[in-house]
Amino acid sequence: MCGMSTPSPQVDRRTALWDSMLDAEMNSCYWDLVSARYTSWDLWIKITIAVTASGTVAGWSIWAQNPGAVVWKTLSGTAALVALFHPYLCSSERLKRSSELVATWKEVFIDYELLWYEDGVLESNQSWAEFEAIKRREAKIDETRLPRSEVLIEKAYRHVLEKRRLVNG
């Protein structure tokens, strides 16, 4: 944020802190939803692979009697396809990165919230300096390696509005 070292009027400081706090809370909520989605997908994909693969192995003796059985081929193909797409949909990097973003945004949100309760108008120079430091940390957060979900963004936004009683809900 350019010109942060030049303090603005009190109303603008209060608004800047409030907006930053809500943005951080929304990002924390959003990345929590993303992380939960990846974790859920990872679990269900692993279960699907285990079930289809074990069904295929268990069926070998049964299907060996009936070489034209479609079920064996379907289970085998499903296991292969799911295993093939699993690293793309739920890579360990995505799971790790989304979890890190949850923690990072929660920390930023808590710092803003504590500052809000301590000096909501950022009246003191020390409070303004803390605000600047948090904004600088926030600017370094890298979200570029994960796709965005408009559905989850809207869900996180609504959650924050309802939690803060900023909308009837």
C-alpha atoms as a PDB file:
ATOM      1  CA  MET A   1       0.000   0.000   0.000  1.00  0.00           C
ATOM      2  CA  CYS A   2       1.673   3.203  -1.136  1.00  0.00           C
ATOM      3  CA  GLY A   3       1.898   6.084   1.290  1.00  0.00           C
ATOM      4  CA  MET A   4       1.080   4.036   4.350  1.00  0.00           C
ATOM      5  CA  SER A   5       3.582   5.892   6.473  1.00  0.00           C
ATOM      6  CA  THR A   6       1.562   9.092   6.088  1.00  0.00           C
ATOM      7  CA  PRO A   7      -1.304   8.657   8.525  1.00  0.00           C
ATOM      8  CA  SER A   8      -4.748   9.442   7.171  1.00  0.00           C
ATOM      9  CA  PRO A   9      -7.642  10.960   9.139  1.00  0.00           C
ATOM     10  CA  GLN A  10      -9.067   8.851  12.005  1.00  0.00           C
ATOM     11  CA  VAL A  11     -12.203   7.795  10.111  1.00  0.00           C
ATOM     12  CA  ASP A  12     -10.093   6.492   7.218  1.00  0.00           C
ATOM     13  CA  ARG A  13      -7.816   4.620   9.640  1.00  0.00           C
ATOM     14  CA  ARG A  14     -10.774   2.948  11.319  1.00  0.00           C
ATOM     15  CA  THR A  15     -12.254   2.002   7.939  1.00  0.00           C
ATOM     16  CA  ALA A  16      -8.909   0.708   6.698  1.00  0.00           C
ATOM     17  CA  LEU A  17      -8.520  -1.521   9.755  1.00  0.00           C
ATOM     18  CA  TRP A  18     -12.136  -2.733   9.607  1.00  0.00           C
ATOM     19  CA  ASP A  19     -11.909  -3.541   5.889  1.00  0.00           C
ATOM     20  CA  SER A  20      -8.558  -5.289   6.310  1.00  0.00           C
ATOM     21  CA  MET A  21      -9.869  -7.326   9.217  1.00  0.00           C
ATOM     22  CA  LEU A  22     -12.939  -8.445   7.246  1.00  0.00           C
ATOM     23  CA  ASP A  23     -10.834  -9.259   4.175  1.00  0.00           C
ATOM     24  CA  ALA A  24      -8.489 -11.384   6.274  1.00  0.00           C
ATOM     25  CA  GLU A  25     -11.416 -13.133   7.951  1.00  0.00           C
ATOM     26  CA  MET A  26     -13.004 -13.845   4.557  1.00  0.00           C
ATOM     27  CA  ASN A  27      -9.717 -15.203   3.181  1.00  0.00           C
ATOM     28  CA  SER A  28      -9.262 -17.371   6.253  1.00  0.00           C
ATOM     29  CA  CYS A  29     -12.767 -18.760   5.803  1.00  0.00           C
ATOM     30  CA  TYR A  30     -12.294 -19.219   2.050  1.00  0.00           C
ATOM     31  CA  TRP A  31      -9.030 -21.138   2.333  1.00  0.00           C
ATOM     32  CA  ASP A  32     -10.530 -23.248   5.128  1.00  0.00           C
ATOM     33  CA  LEU A  33     -13.333 -24.224   2.718  1.00  0.00           C
ATOM     34  CA  VAL A  34     -10.798 -24.936  -0.051  1.00  0.00           C
ATOM     35  CA  SER A  35      -8.681 -27.050   2.286  1.00  0.00           C
ATOM     36  CA  ALA A  36     -11.740 -28.989   3.475  1.00  0.00           C
ATOM     37  CA  ARG A  37     -12.771 -29.592  -0.148  1.00  0.00           C
ATOM     38  CA  TYR A  38      -9.339 -30.948  -1.120  1.00  0.00           C
ATOM     39  CA  THR A  39      -9.196 -33.121   1.993  1.00  0.00           C
ATOM     40  CA  SER A  40     -12.654 -34.532   1.271  1.00  0.00           C
ATOM     41  CA  TRP A  41     -11.833 -35.187  -2.382  1.00  0.00           C
ATOM     42  CA  ASP A  42      -8.577 -36.866  -1.354  1.00  0.00           C
ATOM     43  CA  LEU A  43     -10.397 -39.175   1.060  1.00  0.00           C
ATOM     44  CA  TRP A  44     -13.144 -40.140  -1.398  1.00  0.00           C
ATOM     45  CA  ILE A  45     -10.697 -40.724  -4.229  1.00  0.00           C
ATOM     46  CA  LYS A  46      -8.571 -42.981  -2.018  1.00  0.00           C
ATOM     47  CA  ILE A  47     -11.677 -44.896  -0.927  1.00  0.00           C
ATOM     48  CA  THR A  48     -12.776 -45.263  -4.570  1.00  0.00           C
ATOM     49  CA  ILE A  49      -9.340 -46.552  -5.570  1.00  0.00           C
ATOM     50  CA  ALA A  50      -9.283 -49.003  -2.665  1.00  0.00           C
ATOM     51  CA  VAL A  51     -12.793 -50.309  -3.337  1.00  0.00           C
ATOM     52  CA  THR A  52     -12.424 -50.629  -7.097  1.00  0.00           C
ATOM     53  CA  ALA A  53      -8.928 -52.091  -6.902  1.00  0.00           C
ATOM     54  CA  SER A  54      -9.860 -54.624  -4.212  1.00  0.00           C
ATOM     55  CA  GLY A  55     -13.039 -55.479  -6.128  1.00  0.00           C
ATOM     56  CA  THR A  56     -10.948 -56.098  -9.196  1.00  0.00           C
ATOM     57  CA  VAL A  57      -8.460 -58.334  -7.376  1.00  0.00           C
ATOM     58  CA  ALA A  58     -11.209 -60.200  -5.512  1.00  0.00           C
ATOM     59  CA  GLY A  59     -13.072 -60.718  -8.768  1.00  0.00           C
ATOM     60  CA  TRP A  60     -10.153 -62.214 -10.690  1.00  0.00           C
ATOM     61  CA  SER A  61     -11.025 -65.790  -9.750  1.00  0.00           C
ATOM     62  CA  ILE A  62     -14.736 -65.231 -10.391  1.00  0.00           C
ATOM     63  CA  TRP A  63     -14.273 -63.359 -13.651  1.00  0.00           C
ATOM     64  CA  ALA A  64     -11.638 -65.783 -14.871  1.00  0.00           C
ATOM     65  CA  GLN A  65     -14.489 -68.262 -15.415  1.00  0.00           C
ATOM     66  CA  ASN A  66     -16.322 -65.668 -17.540  1.00  0.00           C
ATOM     67  CA  PRO A  67     -13.782 -63.792 -19.691  1.00  0.00           C
ATOM     68  CA  GLY A  68     -16.388 -61.525 -21.272  1.00  0.00           C
ATOM     69  CA  ALA A  69     -17.547 -60.039 -17.956  1.00  0.00           C
ATOM     70  CA  VAL A  70     -17.920 -56.284 -18.186  1.00  0.00           C
ATOM     71  CA  VAL A  71     -17.804 -55.744 -14.420  1.00  0.00           C
ATOM     72  CA  TRP A  72     -14.151 -56.746 -14.134  1.00  0.00           C
ATOM     73  CA  LYS A  73     -13.169 -54.421 -16.945  1.00  0.00           C
ATOM     74  CA  THR A  74     -15.215 -51.571 -15.477  1.00  0.00           C
ATOM     75  CA  LEU A  75     -13.711 -51.931 -11.995  1.00  0.00           C
ATOM     76  CA  SER A  76     -10.236 -52.182 -13.436  1.00  0.00           C
ATOM     77  CA  GLY A  77     -10.733 -49.152 -15.660  1.00  0.00           C
ATOM     78  CA  THR A  78     -12.298 -47.106 -12.859  1.00  0.00           C
ATOM     79  CA  ALA A  79      -9.413 -47.856 -10.506  1.00  0.00           C
ATOM     80  CA  ALA A  80      -6.909 -46.876 -13.177  1.00  0.00           C
ATOM     81  CA  LEU A  81      -8.692 -43.634 -14.106  1.00  0.00           C
ATOM     82  CA  VAL A  82      -9.225 -42.523 -10.526  1.00  0.00           C
ATOM     83  CA  ALA A  83      -5.602 -43.296  -9.672  1.00  0.00           C
ATOM     84  CA  LEU A  84      -4.490 -41.364 -12.743  1.00  0.00           C
ATOM     85  CA  PHE A  85      -6.470 -38.197 -11.865  1.00  0.00           C
ATOM     86  CA  HIS A  86      -5.861 -38.278  -8.112  1.00  0.00           C
ATOM     87  CA  PRO A  87      -2.497 -36.463  -8.194  1.00  0.00           C
ATOM     88  CA  TYR A  88      -3.974 -33.738 -10.390  1.00  0.00           C
ATOM     89  CA  LEU A  89      -7.114 -33.157  -8.333  1.00  0.00           C
ATOM     90  CA  CYS A  90      -5.643 -33.591  -4.860  1.00  0.00           C
ATOM     91  CA  SER A  91      -1.898 -33.351  -5.044  1.00  0.00           C
ATOM     92  CA  SER A  92      -0.050 -33.332  -1.763  1.00  0.00           C
ATOM     93  CA  GLU A  93       1.237 -29.871  -2.729  1.00  0.00           C
ATOM     94  CA  ARG A  94      -2.333 -28.534  -3.042  1.00  0.00           C
ATOM     95  CA  LEU A  95      -3.356 -30.069   0.261  1.00  0.00           C
ATOM     96  CA  LYS A  96      -0.280 -28.652   1.991  1.00  0.00           C
ATOM     97  CA  ARG A  97      -0.531 -25.230   0.339  1.00  0.00           C
ATOM     98  CA  SER A  98      -4.215 -24.756   1.141  1.00  0.00           C
ATOM     99  CA  SER A  99      -3.599 -25.745   4.778  1.00  0.00           C
ATOM    100  CA  GLU A 100      -0.732 -23.260   4.980  1.00  0.00           C
ATOM    101  CA  LEU A 101      -2.974 -20.514   3.593  1.00  0.00           C
ATOM    102  CA  VAL A 102      -5.620 -21.248   6.231  1.00  0.00           C
ATOM    103  CA  ALA A 103      -3.019 -20.842   8.974  1.00  0.00           C
ATOM    104  CA  THR A 104      -1.477 -17.722   7.421  1.00  0.00           C
ATOM    105  CA  TRP A 105      -4.807 -15.934   6.911  1.00  0.00           C
ATOM    106  CA  LYS A 106      -6.039 -16.905  10.397  1.00  0.00           C
ATOM    107  CA  GLU A 107      -2.903 -15.393  11.887  1.00  0.00           C
ATOM    108  CA  VAL A 108      -3.329 -12.176   9.882  1.00  0.00           C
ATOM    109  CA  PHE A 109      -7.006 -12.002  10.829  1.00  0.00           C
ATOM    110  CA  ILE A 110      -6.249 -12.490  14.533  1.00  0.00           C
ATOM    111  CA  ASP A 111      -3.598  -9.771  14.405  1.00  0.00           C
ATOM    112  CA  TYR A 112      -6.065  -7.343  12.821  1.00  0.00           C
ATOM    113  CA  GLU A 113      -8.779  -8.316  15.276  1.00  0.00           C
ATOM    114  CA  LEU A 114      -6.530  -7.823  18.289  1.00  0.00           C
ATOM    115  CA  LEU A 115      -5.492  -4.455  16.917  1.00  0.00           C
ATOM    116  CA  TRP A 116      -9.177  -3.588  16.395  1.00  0.00           C
ATOM    117  CA  TYR A 117      -9.959  -4.346  20.037  1.00  0.00           C
ATOM    118  CA  GLU A 118      -6.844  -2.544  21.272  1.00  0.00           C
ATOM    119  CA  ASP A 119      -7.137   0.634  19.166  1.00  0.00           C
ATOM    120  CA  GLY A 120      -9.934   0.443  16.605  1.00  0.00           C
ATOM    121  CA  VAL A 121      -9.237   3.907  15.222  1.00  0.00           C
ATOM    122  CA  LEU A 122      -5.463   3.392  15.006  1.00  0.00           C
ATOM    123  CA  GLU A 123      -4.990   6.560  17.011  1.00  0.00           C
ATOM    124  CA  SER A 124      -1.488   5.926  18.289  1.00  0.00           C
ATOM    125  CA  ASN A 125       1.622   5.801  16.126  1.00  0.00           C
ATOM    126  CA  GLN A 126       2.390   2.370  17.565  1.00  0.00           C
ATOM    127  CA  SER A 127      -1.006   1.043  16.434  1.00  0.00           C
ATOM    128  CA  TRP A 128      -0.515   2.521  12.980  1.00  0.00           C
ATOM    129  CA  ALA A 129       2.938   0.911  12.777  1.00  0.00           C
ATOM    130  CA  GLU A 130       1.423  -2.465  13.766  1.00  0.00           C
ATOM    131  CA  PHE A 131      -1.233  -2.040  11.081  1.00  0.00           C
ATOM    132  CA  GLU A 132       1.434  -1.278   8.471  1.00  0.00           C
ATOM    133  CA  ALA A 133       3.433  -4.345   9.526  1.00  0.00           C
ATOM    134  CA  ILE A 134       0.387  -6.608   9.191  1.00  0.00           C
ATOM    135  CA  LYS A 135      -0.430  -5.124   5.762  1.00  0.00           C
ATOM    136  CA  ARG A 136       3.138  -5.801   4.615  1.00  0.00           C
ATOM    137  CA  ARG A 137       2.884  -9.430   5.813  1.00  0.00           C
ATOM    138  CA  GLU A 138      -0.461  -9.745   4.034  1.00  0.00           C
ATOM    139  CA  ALA A 139       1.058  -8.462   0.788  1.00  0.00           C
ATOM    140  CA  LYS A 140       3.558 -11.344   0.841  1.00  0.00           C
ATOM    141  CA  ILE A 141       0.901 -14.077   0.953  1.00  0.00           C
ATOM    142  CA  ASP A 142       1.162 -16.141  -2.231  1.00  0.00           C
ATOM    143  CA  GLU A 143      -2.097 -17.674  -3.455  1.00  0.00           C
ATOM    144  CA  THR A 144      -1.022 -18.095  -7.065  1.00  0.00           C
ATOM    145  CA  ARG A 145      -0.505 -21.857  -7.151  1.00  0.00           C
ATOM    146  CA  LEU A 146      -4.105 -22.782  -6.352  1.00  0.00           C
ATOM    147  CA  PRO A 147      -7.209 -22.344  -8.455  1.00  0.00           C
ATOM    148  CA  ARG A 148      -9.978 -19.989  -7.295  1.00  0.00           C
ATOM    149  CA  SER A 149     -13.559 -21.096  -6.711  1.00  0.00           C
ATOM    150  CA  GLU A 150     -16.205 -18.412  -7.129  1.00  0.00           C
ATOM    151  CA  VAL A 151     -18.701 -20.641  -5.301  1.00  0.00           C
ATOM    152  CA  LEU A 152     -16.447 -20.936  -2.253  1.00  0.00           C
ATOM    153  CA  ILE A 153     -15.565 -17.227  -2.367  1.00  0.00           C
ATOM    154  CA  GLU A 154     -19.275 -16.383  -2.219  1.00  0.00           C
ATOM    155  CA  LYS A 155     -19.821 -18.898   0.594  1.00  0.00           C
ATOM    156  CA  ALA A 156     -16.943 -17.413   2.641  1.00  0.00           C
ATOM    157  CA  TYR A 157     -18.169 -13.871   1.975  1.00  0.00           C
ATOM    158  CA  ARG A 158     -21.688 -14.764   3.135  1.00  0.00           C
ATOM    159  CA  HIS A 159     -20.309 -16.499   6.223  1.00  0.00           C
ATOM    160  CA  VAL A 160     -18.400 -13.390   7.307  1.00  0.00           C
ATOM    161  CA  LEU A 161     -21.352 -11.090   6.632  1.00  0.00           C
ATOM    162  CA  GLU A 162     -23.665 -13.312   8.672  1.00  0.00           C
ATOM    163  CA  LYS A 163     -21.141 -13.783  11.471  1.00  0.00           C
ATOM    164  CA  ARG A 164     -20.657 -10.033  11.741  1.00  0.00           C
ATOM    165  CA  ARG A 165     -24.421  -9.458  11.393  1.00  0.00           C
ATOM    166  CA  LEU A 166     -23.831  -7.237   8.381  1.00  0.00           C
ATOM    167  CA  VAL A 167     -26.659  -8.821   6.411  1.00  0.00           C
ATOM    168  CA  ASN A 168     -29.980 -10.382   7.271  1.00  0.00           C
ATOM    169  CA  GLY A 169     -29.563 -13.947   6.981  1.00  0.00           C
END
